[in-house]
N, C-alpha and C. Protein backbone atom coordinates (compact mmCIF):
# COMPACT_ATOMS: atom_id res chain seq x y z
N MET A 1 47.64 128.68 64.46
CA MET A 1 47.90 129.62 65.41
C MET A 1 49.17 129.80 65.82
N MET A 2 49.49 131.01 65.94
CA MET A 2 50.99 131.36 66.23
C MET A 2 51.39 131.03 67.80
N ALA A 3 52.59 130.81 67.84
CA ALA A 3 53.09 130.52 69.26
C ALA A 3 53.16 131.69 70.11
N GLN A 4 52.94 131.60 71.35
CA GLN A 4 52.93 132.80 72.25
C GLN A 4 54.35 133.47 72.38
N ASN A 5 55.23 132.54 72.16
CA ASN A 5 56.60 132.92 72.27
C ASN A 5 57.45 133.46 70.96
N SER A 6 56.66 133.82 70.17
CA SER A 6 57.16 134.24 68.81
C SER A 6 57.75 135.63 68.79
N SER A 7 59.08 135.72 68.50
CA SER A 7 59.87 136.96 68.76
C SER A 7 59.41 137.87 67.57
N PRO A 8 59.95 139.15 68.00
CA PRO A 8 59.67 140.24 66.76
C PRO A 8 60.48 140.02 65.69
N ARG A 9 61.64 139.41 65.88
CA ARG A 9 62.54 139.03 64.85
C ARG A 9 61.87 137.74 63.90
N ILE A 10 61.40 137.04 64.44
CA ILE A 10 60.66 135.77 63.68
C ILE A 10 59.54 136.37 62.82
N GLU A 11 58.66 137.30 63.50
CA GLU A 11 57.59 137.88 62.92
C GLU A 11 58.07 138.67 61.72
N ARG A 12 59.20 139.47 61.85
CA ARG A 12 59.71 140.09 60.69
C ARG A 12 60.06 139.39 59.62
N ILE A 13 60.77 138.34 59.93
CA ILE A 13 61.34 137.17 58.91
C ILE A 13 60.11 136.65 58.26
N ALA A 14 59.01 136.12 58.96
CA ALA A 14 57.80 135.76 58.29
C ALA A 14 57.07 136.64 57.49
N TYR A 15 56.97 137.82 57.79
CA TYR A 15 56.44 138.90 57.02
C TYR A 15 57.05 139.02 55.80
N GLN A 16 58.55 139.10 55.89
CA GLN A 16 59.24 139.30 54.66
C GLN A 16 59.13 138.24 53.70
N ILE A 17 59.09 136.76 54.40
CA ILE A 17 59.02 135.90 53.48
C ILE A 17 57.45 135.73 52.76
N TRP A 18 56.57 136.03 53.63
CA TRP A 18 55.22 136.08 53.00
C TRP A 18 55.16 137.09 51.82
N TRP A 19 55.85 138.38 51.92
CA TRP A 19 55.77 139.39 51.02
C TRP A 19 56.46 138.79 49.62
N LEU A 20 57.63 138.31 50.01
CA LEU A 20 58.49 137.77 48.84
C LEU A 20 57.67 136.51 48.10
N ILE A 21 57.09 135.55 48.66
CA ILE A 21 56.38 134.83 48.08
C ILE A 21 55.06 135.45 47.07
N GLN A 22 54.49 136.41 47.88
CA GLN A 22 53.32 136.96 47.25
C GLN A 22 53.90 137.72 45.89
N ASP A 23 55.01 138.56 46.14
CA ASP A 23 55.49 139.37 45.18
C ASP A 23 55.93 138.74 44.02
N SER A 24 56.64 137.57 44.27
CA SER A 24 57.24 136.60 43.22
C SER A 24 56.27 135.51 42.76
N ALA A 25 54.77 135.53 43.19
CA ALA A 25 54.14 134.48 42.56
C ALA A 25 54.68 133.06 43.09
N GLY A 26 55.44 132.92 44.04
CA GLY A 26 55.77 131.75 44.52
C GLY A 26 57.15 131.39 43.67
N GLU A 27 57.69 132.15 42.82
CA GLU A 27 58.84 132.05 42.02
C GLU A 27 60.10 132.38 42.89
N CYS A 28 60.21 131.76 44.11
CA CYS A 28 61.38 132.13 44.92
C CYS A 28 61.88 130.88 45.51
N THR A 29 63.00 130.73 46.16
CA THR A 29 63.51 129.57 46.80
C THR A 29 63.99 129.98 48.24
N LEU A 30 64.47 129.06 49.03
CA LEU A 30 64.80 129.16 50.35
C LEU A 30 66.13 130.19 50.23
N ARG A 31 67.01 129.99 49.20
CA ARG A 31 68.14 130.98 49.08
C ARG A 31 67.65 132.20 48.87
N ASP A 32 66.60 132.42 47.89
CA ASP A 32 66.13 133.90 47.91
C ASP A 32 65.60 134.48 49.26
N MET A 33 64.92 133.72 49.66
CA MET A 33 64.43 134.17 51.10
C MET A 33 65.33 134.47 52.14
N ALA A 34 66.46 133.54 52.20
CA ALA A 34 67.66 133.91 53.15
C ALA A 34 68.27 135.12 52.72
N GLU A 35 68.48 135.44 51.59
CA GLU A 35 69.25 136.57 51.08
C GLU A 35 68.24 137.78 51.38
N PHE A 36 67.06 137.78 51.14
CA PHE A 36 66.20 138.80 51.39
C PHE A 36 66.06 139.18 52.77
N THR A 37 65.69 138.06 53.73
CA THR A 37 65.65 138.35 55.01
C THR A 37 66.89 138.58 55.94
N GLY A 38 67.96 138.05 55.42
CA GLY A 38 69.15 138.08 56.31
C GLY A 38 69.11 136.86 57.27
N ALA A 39 68.25 136.00 57.16
CA ALA A 39 68.07 134.89 58.19
C ALA A 39 68.87 133.61 57.21
N SER A 40 69.01 132.57 57.98
CA SER A 40 69.58 131.35 57.42
C SER A 40 68.35 130.59 56.66
N MET A 41 68.89 129.82 55.70
CA MET A 41 67.95 129.02 54.84
C MET A 41 67.18 128.10 55.88
N ARG A 42 67.72 127.68 56.97
CA ARG A 42 67.10 126.70 57.88
C ARG A 42 66.03 127.40 58.64
N THR A 43 66.25 128.74 59.06
CA THR A 43 65.25 129.50 59.57
C THR A 43 64.01 129.78 58.78
N CYS A 44 64.31 130.19 57.51
CA CYS A 44 63.39 130.40 56.55
C CYS A 44 62.59 129.06 56.16
N SER A 45 63.11 127.86 56.34
CA SER A 45 62.49 126.58 56.05
C SER A 45 61.59 126.31 57.31
N GLN A 46 62.06 126.64 58.37
CA GLN A 46 61.22 126.30 59.69
C GLN A 46 59.96 127.44 59.61
N VAL A 47 60.13 128.53 59.32
CA VAL A 47 59.10 129.52 59.42
C VAL A 47 58.21 129.25 58.29
N CYS A 48 58.46 128.61 57.16
CA CYS A 48 57.57 128.34 56.17
C CYS A 48 56.80 127.24 56.45
N ARG A 49 57.38 126.07 57.08
CA ARG A 49 56.72 125.09 57.53
C ARG A 49 55.86 125.35 58.74
N TYR A 50 56.19 126.01 59.58
CA TYR A 50 55.18 126.47 60.73
C TYR A 50 53.93 127.23 60.09
N ARG A 51 54.22 128.17 59.18
CA ARG A 51 52.99 128.89 58.75
C ARG A 51 52.33 128.24 57.56
N GLY A 52 52.83 127.13 57.26
CA GLY A 52 51.95 126.40 56.10
C GLY A 52 52.20 126.69 54.63
N TRP A 53 53.52 127.47 54.61
CA TRP A 53 53.71 128.03 53.40
C TRP A 53 54.83 127.01 52.63
N ALA A 54 54.94 125.76 52.93
CA ALA A 54 55.95 125.02 52.40
C ALA A 54 55.69 124.62 51.01
N GLY A 55 54.50 124.59 50.48
CA GLY A 55 54.35 124.35 49.07
C GLY A 55 54.20 125.55 48.42
N SER A 56 54.37 126.73 48.82
CA SER A 56 54.25 128.09 48.18
C SER A 56 55.39 128.58 47.38
N TYR A 57 56.34 127.90 47.33
CA TYR A 57 57.63 128.46 46.67
C TYR A 57 58.27 127.32 46.07
N ARG A 58 59.20 127.76 45.15
CA ARG A 58 60.15 126.78 44.31
C ARG A 58 61.15 125.91 45.29
N LYS A 59 61.22 124.69 45.11
CA LYS A 59 62.23 124.00 46.05
C LYS A 59 63.60 124.21 45.51
N MET A 60 63.73 124.35 44.05
CA MET A 60 65.24 124.55 43.73
C MET A 60 65.11 125.43 42.69
N ALA A 61 66.57 126.09 42.82
CA ALA A 61 66.77 127.29 41.76
C ALA A 61 66.79 126.65 40.34
N PRO A 62 66.33 127.30 39.35
CA PRO A 62 66.65 126.68 37.97
C PRO A 62 68.02 126.76 37.69
N ARG A 63 68.48 125.97 36.78
CA ARG A 63 69.87 125.78 36.41
C ARG A 63 70.13 126.91 35.43
N ASN A 64 71.31 127.68 35.79
CA ASN A 64 71.72 128.99 35.03
C ASN A 64 72.30 128.64 33.68
N ALA A 65 71.42 128.73 32.39
CA ALA A 65 71.87 128.55 31.10
C ALA A 65 72.98 129.37 30.69
N VAL A 66 73.16 130.47 31.41
CA VAL A 66 74.41 131.49 30.77
C VAL A 66 75.64 130.48 30.97
N ASP A 67 75.71 129.76 32.17
CA ASP A 67 77.04 129.06 32.28
C ASP A 67 77.42 128.00 31.27
N ASP A 68 76.40 127.56 30.66
CA ASP A 68 76.41 126.50 29.60
C ASP A 68 76.55 127.13 28.36
N GLY A 69 76.13 128.38 27.98
CA GLY A 69 76.07 129.13 26.68
C GLY A 69 77.21 128.83 25.88
N PRO A 70 78.43 129.12 26.20
CA PRO A 70 79.69 129.02 25.52
C PRO A 70 79.94 127.64 25.01
N GLN A 71 79.72 126.59 25.81
CA GLN A 71 79.79 125.05 25.53
C GLN A 71 78.75 124.73 24.55
N MET A 72 77.56 125.13 24.76
CA MET A 72 76.39 124.85 23.91
C MET A 72 76.63 125.35 22.39
N ILE A 73 77.11 126.63 22.44
CA ILE A 73 77.36 127.13 21.12
C ILE A 73 78.54 126.56 20.31
N GLU A 74 79.40 126.24 21.07
CA GLU A 74 80.65 125.50 20.55
C GLU A 74 80.15 124.17 20.01
N ALA A 75 79.54 123.37 20.72
CA ALA A 75 78.81 121.97 20.33
C ALA A 75 77.91 122.13 18.98
N LEU A 76 77.24 123.21 19.09
CA LEU A 76 76.22 123.29 18.05
C LEU A 76 77.13 123.79 16.63
N ASP A 77 77.87 124.63 16.80
CA ASP A 77 78.89 124.93 15.72
C ASP A 77 79.50 123.74 15.17
N ASN A 78 80.07 122.90 16.12
CA ASN A 78 80.63 121.73 15.50
C ASN A 78 79.81 120.66 14.83
N GLU A 79 78.61 120.58 15.39
CA GLU A 79 77.62 119.84 14.90
C GLU A 79 77.33 120.25 13.46
N LEU A 80 76.87 121.48 13.29
CA LEU A 80 76.58 122.14 12.12
C LEU A 80 77.66 122.03 11.00
N SER A 81 78.85 122.17 11.48
CA SER A 81 79.90 122.10 10.61
C SER A 81 80.08 120.66 10.03
N SER A 82 79.96 119.77 10.79
CA SER A 82 80.01 118.30 10.63
C SER A 82 78.92 117.92 9.51
N MET A 83 77.72 118.47 9.63
CA MET A 83 76.54 118.33 8.69
C MET A 83 76.71 119.07 7.47
N PHE A 84 77.10 120.34 7.51
CA PHE A 84 77.00 121.19 6.10
C PHE A 84 78.39 121.54 5.83
N GLY A 85 79.47 121.26 6.44
CA GLY A 85 80.83 121.60 6.14
C GLY A 85 81.19 123.02 6.73
N GLU A 86 82.04 123.66 6.38
CA GLU A 86 82.55 125.01 6.77
C GLU A 86 81.64 125.94 6.36
N ALA A 87 80.86 125.70 5.50
CA ALA A 87 79.98 127.03 4.86
C ALA A 87 78.92 127.33 5.80
N ALA A 88 78.60 126.46 6.87
CA ALA A 88 77.56 126.91 7.76
C ALA A 88 78.14 127.76 8.88
């Protein structure tokens, strides 16, 4: 049951969070919610807990593999070169 003192701002944020969770099939984080709603991550977290949505989204963002790409390629090249020589 919603509190009687819920402000229109909180209702807007709650609706936006609900929409984002539904649209992304739960593949969103508090950071995504905060960016989408313009509210703080803490506010988004509190809204989710109050509404019972705490288990409806990802808790952490996946690690961005693009950042490791050049290092991974270099390491793989070095490994292949040591195994097969410079012909690889």
